[in-house]
Protein backbone atom coordinates (compact mmCIF):
# COMPACT_ATOMS: atom_id res chain seq x y z
CA MET A 1 -51.38 -21.99 27.46
CA TYR A 2 -51.00 -23.75 24.04
CA ARG A 3 -48.08 -24.17 21.89
CA LEU A 4 -47.77 -23.71 18.20
CA THR A 5 -45.40 -26.39 16.82
CA PRO A 6 -44.15 -26.26 13.38
CA VAL A 7 -46.39 -29.19 12.43
CA LEU A 8 -49.51 -27.53 13.77
CA PHE A 9 -48.47 -24.27 12.24
CA LEU A 10 -48.26 -25.94 8.97
CA MET A 11 -51.68 -27.68 9.39
CA LEU A 12 -53.01 -24.13 10.05
CA VAL A 13 -51.63 -22.76 6.98
CA VAL A 14 -52.92 -25.61 4.66
CA ALA A 15 -56.39 -25.53 6.38
CA CYS A 16 -56.73 -21.63 6.07
CA ASN A 17 -55.41 -21.63 2.34
CA THR A 18 -57.45 -24.60 1.08
CA PRO A 19 -60.93 -24.08 -0.15
CA THR A 20 -63.67 -25.64 2.21
CA GLU A 21 -65.62 -27.26 -0.50
CA PRO A 22 -65.38 -30.04 -1.60
CA SER A 23 -63.91 -31.90 1.51
CA VAL A 24 -61.75 -34.08 -0.80
CA ARG A 25 -59.55 -31.07 -1.42
CA ASN A 26 -58.83 -30.60 2.33
CA ASN A 27 -57.91 -34.28 2.63
CA GLU A 28 -55.57 -34.03 -0.30
CA ALA A 29 -53.84 -30.60 1.08
CA ALA A 30 -53.53 -32.15 4.42
CA SER A 31 -51.87 -35.33 3.01
CA LYS A 32 -49.43 -33.05 0.84
CA ALA A 33 -48.31 -31.29 4.24
CA VAL A 34 -46.41 -34.41 5.43
CA VAL A 35 -42.83 -33.64 6.41
CA VAL A 36 -40.26 -35.86 5.71
CA ALA A 37 -37.24 -36.28 8.16
CA ASP A 38 -33.87 -35.47 6.85
CA THR A 39 -31.67 -38.57 7.45
CA THR A 40 -28.51 -37.57 5.60
CA PRO A 41 -25.44 -38.65 7.42
CA LYS A 42 -23.95 -35.43 8.84
CA VAL A 43 -23.31 -32.90 11.74
CA THR A 44 -26.12 -31.26 13.09
CA GLY A 45 -24.54 -29.15 15.84
CA ILE A 46 -21.95 -29.22 18.63
CA GLY A 47 -22.39 -31.50 21.51
CA GLY A 48 -19.41 -30.53 23.56
CA ILE A 49 -16.26 -28.48 24.03
CA PHE A 50 -13.46 -30.25 25.94
CA PHE A 51 -10.15 -28.77 26.69
CA PHE A 52 -6.97 -29.52 28.60
CA CYS A 53 -6.00 -27.19 31.85
CA ASP A 54 -3.83 -27.64 34.68
CA ASN A 55 -5.96 -27.94 37.43
CA PRO A 56 -9.57 -28.71 36.34
CA LYS A 57 -11.18 -28.41 39.92
CA GLN A 58 -9.79 -24.98 40.27
CA THR A 59 -10.94 -24.05 36.64
CA ARG A 60 -14.41 -25.27 37.13
CA GLU A 61 -14.53 -23.16 40.35
CA TRP A 62 -13.34 -20.04 38.53
CA TYR A 63 -15.83 -20.25 35.73
CA ALA A 64 -18.67 -21.10 38.34
CA LYS A 65 -17.60 -18.09 40.69
CA ASN A 66 -16.72 -15.55 37.80
CA LEU A 67 -19.16 -16.39 35.10
CA GLY A 68 -22.07 -18.22 36.76
CA MET A 69 -21.40 -21.55 35.07
CA GLN A 70 -23.14 -24.50 37.17
CA MET A 71 -21.34 -27.74 36.90
CA ASN A 72 -22.85 -30.99 36.79
CA ASP A 73 -22.23 -34.49 38.38
CA TRP A 74 -19.50 -35.19 35.48
CA GLY A 75 -17.63 -32.02 36.11
CA SER A 76 -18.88 -29.99 33.07
CA SER A 77 -21.33 -27.33 32.55
CA SER A 78 -24.46 -28.02 30.35
CA PHE A 79 -25.85 -25.46 27.77
CA GLU A 80 -29.21 -26.08 26.59
CA SER A 81 -30.95 -24.82 23.28
CA ARG A 82 -33.90 -25.63 21.22
CA ASP A 83 -33.81 -27.21 17.91
CA MET A 84 -34.69 -24.66 15.43
CA SER A 85 -36.30 -27.21 13.21
CA ASN A 86 -38.10 -29.07 15.89
CA PRO A 87 -38.54 -26.65 18.87
CA GLU A 88 -39.80 -29.46 21.14
CA VAL A 89 -36.36 -31.00 21.13
CA ILE A 90 -33.95 -29.51 23.66
CA ASN A 91 -30.22 -29.86 22.58
CA SER A 92 -27.43 -29.92 25.30
CA LEU A 93 -23.82 -28.80 24.77
CA GLN A 94 -21.22 -29.99 27.47
CA TRP A 95 -18.26 -27.88 28.35
CA THR A 96 -15.73 -29.85 30.15
CA PRO A 97 -12.01 -28.91 31.51
CA PHE A 98 -9.73 -31.98 31.56
CA LYS A 99 -6.43 -32.45 33.50
CA SER A 100 -3.65 -31.56 30.93
CA GLY A 101 -2.29 -34.97 29.18
CA ASN A 102 -5.61 -36.87 29.89
CA LEU A 103 -5.28 -39.90 27.64
CA TYR A 104 -9.07 -39.57 26.53
CA PHE A 105 -7.75 -37.16 23.95
CA ALA A 106 -5.12 -39.55 22.69
CA PRO A 107 -3.96 -40.02 20.07
CA SER A 108 -4.22 -36.43 19.54
CA GLU A 109 -1.58 -33.83 20.91
CA LYS A 110 -3.97 -30.95 20.73
CA ALA A 111 -5.32 -29.30 24.05
CA PHE A 112 -8.96 -29.48 22.90
CA MET A 113 -11.47 -31.71 21.44
CA ILE A 114 -14.86 -30.74 19.93
CA ASN A 115 -17.89 -33.32 20.05
CA TYR A 116 -20.13 -33.00 17.19
CA ARG A 117 -23.67 -33.99 17.38
CA VAL A 118 -24.67 -36.15 14.20
CA GLN A 119 -27.49 -37.99 12.62
CA ASN A 120 -27.34 -41.42 11.14
CA ILE A 121 -24.02 -42.27 12.44
CA GLU A 122 -23.52 -45.68 11.03
CA THR A 123 -23.96 -44.35 7.61
CA LEU A 124 -21.45 -41.49 8.43
CA ILE A 125 -19.03 -43.94 9.64
CA ASP A 126 -19.39 -45.90 6.34
CA ARG A 127 -18.54 -42.50 4.28
CA LEU A 128 -15.50 -41.52 6.53
CA LEU A 129 -14.02 -45.23 6.09
CA GLN A 130 -14.69 -44.77 2.28
CA ASN A 131 -12.84 -41.43 2.34
CA GLY A 132 -9.81 -42.87 4.21
CA VAL A 133 -10.60 -41.04 7.55
CA THR A 134 -8.73 -42.49 10.53
CA ILE A 135 -11.28 -43.98 12.70
CA VAL A 136 -9.61 -44.18 16.60
CA ASP A 137 -12.10 -46.88 18.09
CA SER A 138 -15.24 -48.54 17.52
CA LEU A 139 -18.65 -47.17 17.96
CA GLU A 140 -19.98 -47.50 21.35
CA HIS A 141 -23.59 -47.30 22.60
CA TYR A 142 -24.87 -45.67 25.71
CA GLU A 143 -28.49 -44.92 26.85
CA TYR A 144 -27.94 -41.53 25.93
CA GLY A 145 -26.62 -42.06 22.48
CA LYS A 146 -23.77 -43.49 20.13
CA PHE A 147 -20.24 -42.33 20.11
CA ILE A 148 -17.30 -42.82 17.99
CA HIS A 149 -13.77 -40.95 17.55
CA VAL A 150 -12.05 -39.79 14.40
CA MET A 151 -8.91 -37.74 13.50
CA ASP A 152 -9.12 -34.91 11.14
CA PRO A 153 -6.11 -34.10 8.94
CA GLU A 154 -4.56 -31.73 11.53
CA GLY A 155 -4.25 -34.47 14.09
CA ASN A 156 -7.28 -33.30 16.06
CA LYS A 157 -9.35 -35.91 17.63
CA ILE A 158 -13.08 -35.49 17.10
CA GLU A 159 -15.81 -37.15 19.04
CA LEU A 160 -19.10 -37.77 17.05
CA TRP A 161 -22.21 -38.31 19.11
CA GLU A 162 -25.73 -39.37 17.99
CA PRO A 163 -28.12 -38.65 20.72
CA SER A 164 -30.42 -41.44 21.52
């Protein structure tokens, strides 16, 4: 079965709505159909929801038993979705309980942390620094993406992640 991707759809629309003669028009119309990628430094989605609990093992087991959430090797549940602007891309949201007081949330004293999926993280960091945002650590690179942590005005630690 064939899948109609947005680019293929756009090419079909251009081909169907363009006169067939002369052929120069077809080439001109097709060249105008080039899609330019948005590289604006910004949040593009939620990458994870992390929260404190007294007993992470028991919490994971409860959610698995009662709500059918399957846990992965990292002790989190992964929710997958399609990128609406590029349906070939599968996004993942990680749901993870942490032991209350885990230092990964520090310096925040809140019981949760949200991971935001972003694009163009280096430029976003420059903007955050210019705006006086507290940067908690330095940009870290992993095979699955780049990460940095910042603080919002309410003392919430936020994890920013640009997938590979």
